[in-house]
Amino acid sequence: MMMAALAMVTFVACGDDNKEDDEPIVTTDSRILSVVPNKILAEIKQHMPIYDGVNPPTVEGSYCMGPDITLVFDNYYGWDNPPVWTANYIEFTQQKTSERTLYFRESNKSGSFVGSGTGAYICGDGKNFTVYLSTKNTENKDDGSTITYNKITLISGTLTDKGISKLRYAFVITDKKGDPDDEYIMKEGVIRVVKDDDEFSDAI
């Protein structure tokens, strides 16, 4: 399950102290903490790189995760044979170097899910980067009704001339409506990390 999203953000300066009691300290950057709390960030960091530099690469462009997307980590479902998801298309546009912000869009091939949100902030150094964002999403059910949900998303990878190497995509559903039995969208609060199965997401 991958979700479509459109996101943008403007944030205040890096390095602000913004600490919650009893949380592990992964970052004190108020922009990142406005998207993802340290507690979630700490668990995600165990399963994918988190790049926190202040000179990220320019990642503007469209990329294809696929043709297969496979599981790296899930802290709830415990599959013996985890599912394989179909391709996901992501796009970064309007990156602002000084603010380290950008727009983000994503979709699957069928366009069965859509989303919009706030919170697209990029960190990193050299060719390595992490994008932090939050989105509001809708997904169509088989009966024609819709599910609405919010999620936190982190995307990390290494930019190359032909795409993104070793892309990792982490997400957490923070709340949802229209799917009380978790039939279509995973349970709220579950942390999932997925990757492009061939370890390279081509520029398209």
Protein backbone atom coordinates (compact mmCIF):
# COMPACT_ATOMS: atom_id res chain seq x y z
CA MET A 1 0.00 0.00 0.00
CA MET A 2 1.55 3.20 -1.18
CA MET A 3 -0.26 6.52 -0.98
CA ALA A 4 -0.49 9.51 -3.32
CA ALA A 5 0.48 12.90 -1.93
CA LEU A 6 1.13 16.54 -2.73
CA ALA A 7 3.07 18.47 -0.15
CA MET A 8 4.76 21.80 0.46
CA VAL A 9 6.02 23.68 3.46
CA THR A 10 7.75 26.77 4.74
CA PHE A 11 9.59 26.40 8.04
CA VAL A 12 11.73 28.30 10.52
CA ALA A 13 15.48 27.90 10.92
CA CYS A 14 17.33 24.66 11.73
CA GLY A 15 18.60 23.71 15.14
CA ASP A 16 15.77 25.03 17.31
CA ASP A 17 15.31 23.19 20.60
CA ASN A 18 11.95 21.41 20.45
CA LYS A 19 12.09 18.44 22.80
CA GLU A 20 9.30 16.33 24.21
CA ASP A 21 9.83 14.77 27.62
CA ASP A 22 10.85 11.09 27.68
CA GLU A 23 11.56 10.97 23.94
CA PRO A 24 14.85 9.86 22.40
CA ILE A 25 16.62 12.81 20.82
CA VAL A 26 17.28 12.22 17.13
CA THR A 27 16.93 15.87 16.15
CA THR A 28 16.18 19.24 17.71
CA ASP A 29 15.18 20.80 14.36
CA SER A 30 11.71 22.27 14.85
CA ARG A 31 10.90 21.84 11.15
CA ILE A 32 11.48 18.09 11.27
CA LEU A 33 9.69 17.76 14.62
CA SER A 34 6.65 19.53 13.17
CA VAL A 35 6.36 16.55 10.79
CA VAL A 36 7.59 13.57 12.81
CA PRO A 37 8.23 13.26 16.58
CA ASN A 38 11.56 11.97 17.84
CA LYS A 39 9.99 8.74 19.13
CA ILE A 40 8.87 7.70 15.64
CA LEU A 41 12.01 9.06 14.02
CA ALA A 42 14.18 6.98 16.35
CA GLU A 43 12.45 3.75 15.36
CA ILE A 44 12.54 4.55 11.65
CA LYS A 45 16.26 5.33 11.92
CA GLN A 46 16.92 1.74 13.00
CA HIS A 47 15.69 0.51 9.61
CA MET A 48 16.76 3.13 7.07
CA PRO A 49 19.33 5.92 6.76
CA ILE A 50 18.31 9.35 8.04
CA TYR A 51 20.46 12.13 6.59
CA ASP A 52 20.45 15.31 8.68
CA GLY A 53 22.95 17.55 6.89
CA VAL A 54 22.15 21.06 5.72
CA ASN A 55 23.42 20.80 2.12
CA PRO A 56 21.11 18.30 0.39
CA PRO A 57 21.32 17.66 -3.35
CA THR A 58 18.81 19.11 -5.79
CA VAL A 59 16.40 16.21 -6.26
CA GLU A 60 13.85 17.87 -8.55
CA GLY A 61 12.42 15.35 -11.00
CA SER A 62 10.21 12.29 -11.27
CA TYR A 63 11.23 8.80 -10.22
CA CYS A 64 9.74 5.31 -10.38
CA MET A 65 9.92 3.02 -7.37
CA GLY A 66 9.44 -0.37 -8.92
CA PRO A 67 8.39 -2.41 -10.73
CA ASP A 68 8.20 -4.09 -7.32
CA ILE A 69 8.22 -2.52 -3.86
CA THR A 70 9.19 -4.79 -1.00
CA LEU A 71 9.09 -4.65 2.78
CA VAL A 72 12.08 -3.62 4.90
CA PHE A 73 10.33 -3.32 8.27
CA ASP A 74 6.87 -3.37 9.80
CA ASN A 75 6.35 -3.16 13.55
CA TYR A 76 2.90 -4.77 13.68
CA TYR A 77 1.86 -7.30 11.05
CA GLY A 78 4.66 -9.88 11.39
CA TRP A 79 4.24 -11.47 7.95
CA ASP A 80 6.12 -14.68 7.19
CA ASN A 81 5.70 -13.86 3.50
CA PRO A 82 5.15 -10.10 3.25
CA PRO A 83 3.26 -8.71 0.28
CA VAL A 84 4.90 -7.12 -2.74
CA TRP A 85 3.47 -3.80 -3.90
CA THR A 86 3.35 -2.41 -7.44
CA ALA A 87 5.25 0.61 -8.71
CA ASN A 88 4.93 4.01 -7.08
CA TYR A 89 5.77 7.24 -8.88
CA ILE A 90 7.21 10.16 -6.93
CA GLU A 91 7.97 13.70 -8.03
CA PHE A 92 9.92 16.50 -6.38
CA THR A 93 9.48 20.05 -7.71
CA GLN A 94 10.16 23.69 -6.77
CA GLN A 95 13.03 22.91 -4.44
CA LYS A 96 14.30 25.99 -2.61
CA THR A 97 17.93 25.67 -1.64
CA SER A 98 18.05 28.30 1.10
CA GLU A 99 14.86 27.13 2.84
CA ARG A 100 15.47 23.42 2.04
CA THR A 101 11.81 22.99 1.08
CA LEU A 102 10.13 21.46 -1.95
CA TYR A 103 6.85 20.21 -3.38
CA PHE A 104 6.13 16.50 -3.47
CA ARG A 105 3.67 14.38 -5.45
CA GLU A 106 3.17 10.64 -5.71
CA SER A 107 0.79 8.21 -7.37
CA ASN A 108 0.43 4.59 -8.27
CA LYS A 109 -0.04 3.50 -11.89
CA SER A 110 -3.83 3.30 -11.66
CA GLY A 111 -4.22 6.55 -9.74
CA SER A 112 -6.42 4.79 -7.19
CA PHE A 113 -5.22 6.96 -4.32
CA VAL A 114 -4.68 10.73 -4.07
CA GLY A 115 -3.42 13.07 -1.39
CA SER A 116 -2.36 16.56 -0.45
CA GLY A 117 -0.57 17.95 2.55
CA THR A 118 1.91 20.22 4.21
CA GLY A 119 5.41 19.47 5.29
CA ALA A 120 8.08 18.78 2.69
CA TYR A 121 11.50 19.53 4.10
CA ILE A 122 14.80 18.14 2.79
CA CYS A 123 18.06 17.48 4.64
CA GLY A 124 21.31 15.83 3.61
CA ASP A 125 24.81 16.35 2.30
CA GLY A 126 26.50 15.56 -1.00
CA LYS A 127 24.28 13.13 -2.90
CA ASN A 128 22.49 11.75 0.17
CA PHE A 129 19.13 13.16 1.27
CA THR A 130 16.06 12.64 3.44
CA VAL A 131 12.68 14.28 2.78
CA TYR A 132 10.21 14.70 5.65
CA LEU A 133 6.54 15.31 4.92
CA SER A 134 2.98 14.94 6.19
CA THR A 135 -0.02 14.41 3.94
CA LYS A 136 -3.80 14.24 3.85
CA ASN A 137 -5.01 11.43 1.62
CA THR A 138 -8.11 9.80 0.16
CA GLU A 139 -8.41 6.29 -1.24
CA ASN A 140 -11.34 4.74 -3.09
CA LYS A 141 -12.97 1.57 -1.74
CA ASP A 142 -14.53 -1.12 -3.92
CA ASP A 143 -18.03 0.07 -3.05
CA GLY A 144 -17.28 3.58 -4.29
CA SER A 145 -16.90 5.17 -0.85
CA THR A 146 -13.67 6.83 0.24
CA ILE A 147 -11.22 6.53 3.08
CA THR A 148 -9.54 9.67 4.37
CA TYR A 149 -6.30 9.50 6.30
CA ASN A 150 -3.24 11.45 7.36
CA LYS A 151 0.27 10.05 7.27
CA ILE A 152 3.87 10.88 8.05
CA THR A 153 6.34 10.00 5.29
CA LEU A 154 10.15 9.95 5.15
CA ILE A 155 12.07 9.28 1.93
CA SER A 156 15.83 8.71 1.92
CA GLY A 157 18.24 7.86 -0.86
CA THR A 158 21.34 8.71 -2.84
CA LEU A 159 20.93 10.83 -5.96
CA THR A 160 22.68 9.69 -9.15
CA ASP A 161 22.65 10.91 -12.74
CA LYS A 162 20.03 8.31 -13.64
CA GLY A 163 17.82 8.22 -10.57
CA ILE A 164 17.89 7.45 -6.85
CA SER A 165 19.93 4.59 -5.43
CA LYS A 166 18.82 2.62 -2.36
CA LEU A 167 15.63 4.62 -1.90
CA ARG A 168 13.82 3.94 1.37
CA TYR A 169 10.27 5.03 2.04
CA ALA A 170 8.90 5.04 5.60
CA PHE A 171 5.34 5.95 6.54
CA VAL A 172 2.96 6.00 9.48
CA ILE A 173 -0.82 6.46 9.37
CA THR A 174 -1.61 9.00 12.08
CA ASP A 175 -5.41 8.91 11.76
CA LYS A 176 -8.05 7.72 9.29
CA LYS A 177 -11.80 7.53 8.68
CA GLY A 178 -13.83 5.11 6.60
CA ASP A 179 -11.83 1.93 7.22
CA PRO A 180 -12.74 0.78 10.76
CA ASP A 181 -11.57 -2.81 10.21
CA ASP A 182 -8.22 -1.82 8.63
CA GLU A 183 -9.27 -3.65 5.47
CA TYR A 184 -7.85 -1.19 2.95
CA ILE A 185 -5.33 0.94 4.82
CA MET A 186 -2.94 -0.32 7.46
CA LYS A 187 -3.65 0.24 11.13
CA GLU A 188 -3.00 3.67 12.64
CA GLY A 189 0.37 4.03 14.35
CA VAL A 190 2.08 1.18 12.49
CA ILE A 191 5.54 2.09 11.19
CA ARG A 192 6.38 0.61 7.80
CA VAL A 193 9.54 0.96 5.72
CA VAL A 194 9.64 -0.22 2.11
CA LYS A 195 12.18 -0.11 -0.72
CA ASP A 196 12.51 -0.40 -4.47
CA ASP A 197 13.21 -4.12 -4.84
CA ASP A 198 16.04 -3.66 -7.35
CA GLU A 199 17.59 -0.92 -5.18
CA PHE A 200 17.33 1.70 -7.91
CA SER A 201 14.49 4.13 -8.68
CA ASP A 202 14.86 5.35 -12.23
CA ALA A 203 14.44 8.98 -13.24
CA ILE A 204 11.50 9.22 -15.66
